[in-house]
Protein backbone atom coordinates (compact mmCIF):
# COMPACT_ATOMS: atom_id res chain seq x y z
CA MET A 1 17.45 -7.14 -20.01
CA ALA A 2 14.33 -5.16 -19.25
CA ASP A 3 13.57 -3.10 -16.20
CA ILE A 4 10.81 -4.29 -13.88
CA ARG A 5 8.57 -1.80 -12.07
CA THR A 6 8.88 -3.13 -8.52
CA PHE A 7 7.65 -2.53 -5.00
CA ILE A 8 7.70 -4.34 -1.64
CA CYS A 9 4.46 -4.90 0.23
CA PHE A 10 2.23 -6.88 2.54
CA ASP A 11 -0.89 -8.35 0.99
CA ILE A 12 -4.26 -8.04 2.71
CA PRO A 13 -6.95 -10.70 3.14
CA ALA A 14 -9.78 -11.09 0.63
CA SER A 15 -12.37 -10.45 3.38
CA ILE A 16 -10.92 -6.97 3.97
CA ARG A 17 -10.66 -6.31 0.22
CA GLU A 18 -14.37 -7.10 -0.10
CA GLN A 19 -15.23 -4.56 2.59
CA LEU A 20 -13.04 -1.96 0.89
CA ALA A 21 -14.88 -2.61 -2.40
CA VAL A 22 -18.20 -1.99 -0.63
CA LEU A 23 -16.87 1.31 0.71
CA GLN A 24 -15.57 2.32 -2.72
CA ASN A 25 -18.95 1.58 -4.30
CA HIS A 26 -20.67 3.69 -1.66
CA LEU A 27 -18.22 6.56 -2.20
CA LYS A 28 -18.73 6.35 -5.98
CA SER A 29 -22.38 7.18 -5.36
CA CYS A 30 -21.36 10.29 -3.36
CA GLY A 31 -19.31 11.95 -6.07
CA ARG A 32 -17.05 11.58 -9.05
CA GLY A 33 -13.59 12.76 -10.01
CA VAL A 34 -11.74 9.82 -8.42
CA SER A 35 -9.83 7.01 -10.11
CA TRP A 36 -10.62 4.13 -7.74
CA THR A 37 -8.04 1.45 -7.01
CA ASN A 38 -9.05 -2.04 -8.11
CA PRO A 39 -9.82 -3.81 -4.80
CA ALA A 40 -7.93 -6.91 -6.01
CA GLY A 41 -4.75 -4.83 -6.13
CA ILE A 42 -4.99 -3.04 -2.80
CA HIS A 43 -1.90 -3.75 -0.68
CA LEU A 44 0.24 -2.23 2.07
CA THR A 45 3.33 -0.77 0.40
CA LEU A 46 6.55 -0.86 2.40
CA LYS A 47 8.79 0.54 -0.33
CA PHE A 48 8.30 1.52 -3.95
CA LEU A 49 11.46 0.86 -5.97
CA GLY A 50 10.38 1.97 -9.43
CA ASP A 51 12.00 0.54 -12.55
CA VAL A 52 14.62 -1.99 -11.47
CA PRO A 53 17.04 -3.82 -13.77
CA GLU A 54 15.99 -7.47 -13.84
CA VAL A 55 19.46 -8.58 -12.68
CA LYS A 56 18.98 -6.71 -9.36
CA ILE A 57 15.71 -8.42 -8.37
CA LYS A 58 17.39 -11.45 -6.75
CA ASP A 59 19.69 -9.15 -4.74
CA ILE A 60 16.63 -7.25 -3.53
CA ASN A 61 15.02 -10.53 -2.47
CA ILE A 62 18.13 -11.56 -0.51
CA ALA A 63 18.45 -8.13 1.14
CA VAL A 64 14.80 -8.11 2.24
CA LYS A 65 14.94 -11.74 3.39
CA ASN A 66 18.04 -11.05 5.50
CA THR A 67 16.48 -7.88 6.92
CA VAL A 68 13.24 -9.51 8.12
CA GLN A 69 14.79 -12.79 9.25
CA GLY A 70 13.40 -13.61 12.70
CA LEU A 71 10.57 -11.08 12.48
CA ALA A 72 7.28 -12.52 13.75
CA PRO A 73 4.00 -11.96 11.89
CA LEU A 74 2.54 -8.53 12.56
CA ALA A 75 -0.95 -7.97 13.99
CA ILE A 76 -2.45 -5.39 11.63
CA LYS A 77 -5.71 -3.52 12.14
CA ILE A 78 -7.39 -1.84 9.16
CA ALA A 79 -9.49 1.10 10.35
CA GLY A 80 -10.10 4.78 9.75
CA THR A 81 -10.07 6.80 6.56
CA GLY A 82 -8.56 10.02 5.33
CA ALA A 83 -6.82 11.75 2.48
CA PHE A 84 -3.38 13.04 1.57
CA PRO A 85 -2.66 15.85 2.14
CA ASN A 86 -6.07 16.32 3.83
CA LEU A 87 -9.82 15.92 3.26
CA ARG A 88 -10.22 19.58 2.18
CA ARG A 89 -7.76 19.23 -0.73
CA PRO A 90 -7.50 15.47 -1.30
CA ARG A 91 -5.13 13.93 -3.79
CA VAL A 92 -5.36 10.36 -2.47
CA TYR A 93 -8.13 8.77 -0.40
CA TRP A 94 -6.89 6.08 1.96
CA VAL A 95 -7.79 3.60 4.69
CA GLY A 96 -5.64 3.49 7.82
CA VAL A 97 -3.28 0.70 8.84
CA HIS A 98 -2.46 0.28 12.53
CA GLU A 99 0.13 -1.93 14.24
CA ALA A 100 0.45 -1.44 17.99
CA THR A 101 4.03 -2.57 18.69
CA GLY A 102 5.93 -0.35 16.25
CA GLN A 103 7.31 -3.40 14.42
CA LEU A 104 5.66 -2.41 11.12
CA ALA A 105 7.41 0.98 11.09
CA GLU A 106 10.68 -0.66 12.18
CA CYS A 107 10.35 -3.30 9.43
CA GLN A 108 9.81 -0.59 6.80
CA LYS A 109 12.76 1.42 8.14
CA GLN A 110 15.12 -1.58 8.11
CA ILE A 111 14.10 -2.54 4.56
CA ASP A 112 14.66 1.06 3.49
CA LEU A 113 18.16 1.04 5.04
CA ALA A 114 19.06 -2.36 3.57
CA LEU A 115 18.03 -1.33 0.07
CA GLU A 116 19.94 1.94 0.30
CA LYS A 117 23.08 -0.24 0.17
CA HIS A 118 21.82 -1.54 -3.20
CA GLY A 119 21.46 1.93 -4.70
CA PHE A 120 17.85 2.79 -3.77
CA ALA A 121 17.32 6.19 -2.17
CA ARG A 122 15.85 6.24 1.31
CA GLU A 123 12.31 7.50 1.63
CA ALA A 124 12.21 11.27 2.07
CA ARG A 125 8.80 11.23 3.76
CA ALA A 126 7.94 9.57 7.05
CA PHE A 127 6.31 6.16 6.69
CA SER A 128 2.53 6.52 6.83
CA PRO A 129 1.02 3.03 6.49
CA HIS A 130 -2.21 3.10 4.49
CA LEU A 131 -4.20 1.36 1.79
CA THR A 132 -4.96 3.54 -1.23
CA LEU A 133 -8.66 3.63 -2.10
CA GLY A 134 -8.39 6.06 -5.00
CA ARG A 135 -6.59 9.00 -6.56
CA VAL A 136 -8.38 12.30 -7.05
CA LYS A 137 -8.49 13.48 -10.66
CA SER A 138 -10.77 16.50 -10.19
CA LEU A 139 -11.29 18.46 -6.98
CA GLU A 140 -14.58 19.88 -8.27
CA ALA A 141 -16.59 16.72 -7.58
CA VAL A 142 -15.11 15.24 -4.40
CA GLU A 143 -16.51 17.44 -1.63
CA ALA A 144 -19.30 14.95 -0.81
CA ILE A 145 -16.80 12.05 -0.71
CA SER A 146 -14.57 13.92 1.73
CA ARG A 147 -17.58 14.87 3.86
CA GLU A 148 -18.69 11.22 3.97
CA LEU A 149 -15.26 10.04 5.11
CA ALA A 150 -14.98 12.80 7.71
CA HIS A 151 -18.28 11.94 9.40
CA LYS A 152 -18.11 8.15 9.71
CA GLU A 153 -15.80 5.77 11.54
CA TYR A 154 -14.84 2.75 9.46
CA GLU A 155 -13.34 -0.50 10.74
CA PHE A 156 -12.44 -3.35 8.40
CA GLY A 157 -10.89 -5.94 10.69
CA GLU A 158 -7.57 -7.33 11.81
CA TYR A 159 -5.17 -9.92 10.42
CA ASN A 160 -1.67 -11.25 10.84
CA ALA A 161 0.67 -10.03 8.13
CA ASN A 162 2.98 -13.01 7.73
CA GLU A 163 4.45 -12.58 4.27
CA ILE A 164 6.32 -9.80 2.51
CA ILE A 165 5.98 -9.75 -1.26
CA ILE A 166 8.40 -8.34 -3.81
CA MET A 167 5.89 -7.35 -6.46
CA LYS A 168 6.08 -6.58 -10.16
CA SER A 169 3.73 -3.87 -11.43
CA ASP A 170 2.69 -3.71 -15.08
CA LEU A 171 0.92 -0.46 -15.94
CA ARG A 172 -1.88 -0.96 -18.44
CA PRO A 173 -4.67 1.28 -19.74
CA THR A 174 -7.14 -0.71 -17.61
CA GLY A 175 -5.00 -0.29 -14.47
CA ALA A 176 -1.94 -1.85 -12.87
CA VAL A 177 -1.51 -5.62 -12.92
CA TYR A 178 0.50 -7.04 -10.01
CA THR A 179 2.57 -10.22 -10.11
CA PRO A 180 4.46 -11.56 -7.08
CA LEU A 181 8.14 -12.12 -7.85
CA PHE A 182 9.17 -13.39 -4.41
CA ARG A 183 7.30 -14.19 -1.20
CA ILE A 184 9.17 -13.95 2.10
CA LYS A 185 7.50 -15.66 5.08
CA LEU A 186 7.84 -14.10 8.52
């Protein structure tokens, strides 16, 4: 059986994706050197699992379902921009994800702990919820993009995240193609 490149995420509404696409198009006009994420594939990653044997996917679904059982939908606000590690030396441009109650971070932590029991290493870095806009390929041409993000406040709206998705990722020359394997309602 084949391995499946897998991650766990929340989807975002089409209306927010459209706004992110507008921002990306604007930033493209500011500079180059960035591989921009396809807006249709932008999502809020809770845990990246990597290549997973197909036989383990159902166990992952059960573990996540049991972990989030009883969790209410989360009120998510999409606002703010930045870069990892920072805007002076960006590697990834992102849009911020905010959830006021702490339930998003707790959900991610509990999923991480549950999947550790199935052989997946816990995340070494602290959870930093974000939506990836693009990955920097050349630092020489991104100064204007970073300057643009540093000097404007962006807000994209709010929504209720009510479904966790166990997602398959197929890497292709044209970009990743995502296919939901399981959907878990909150």
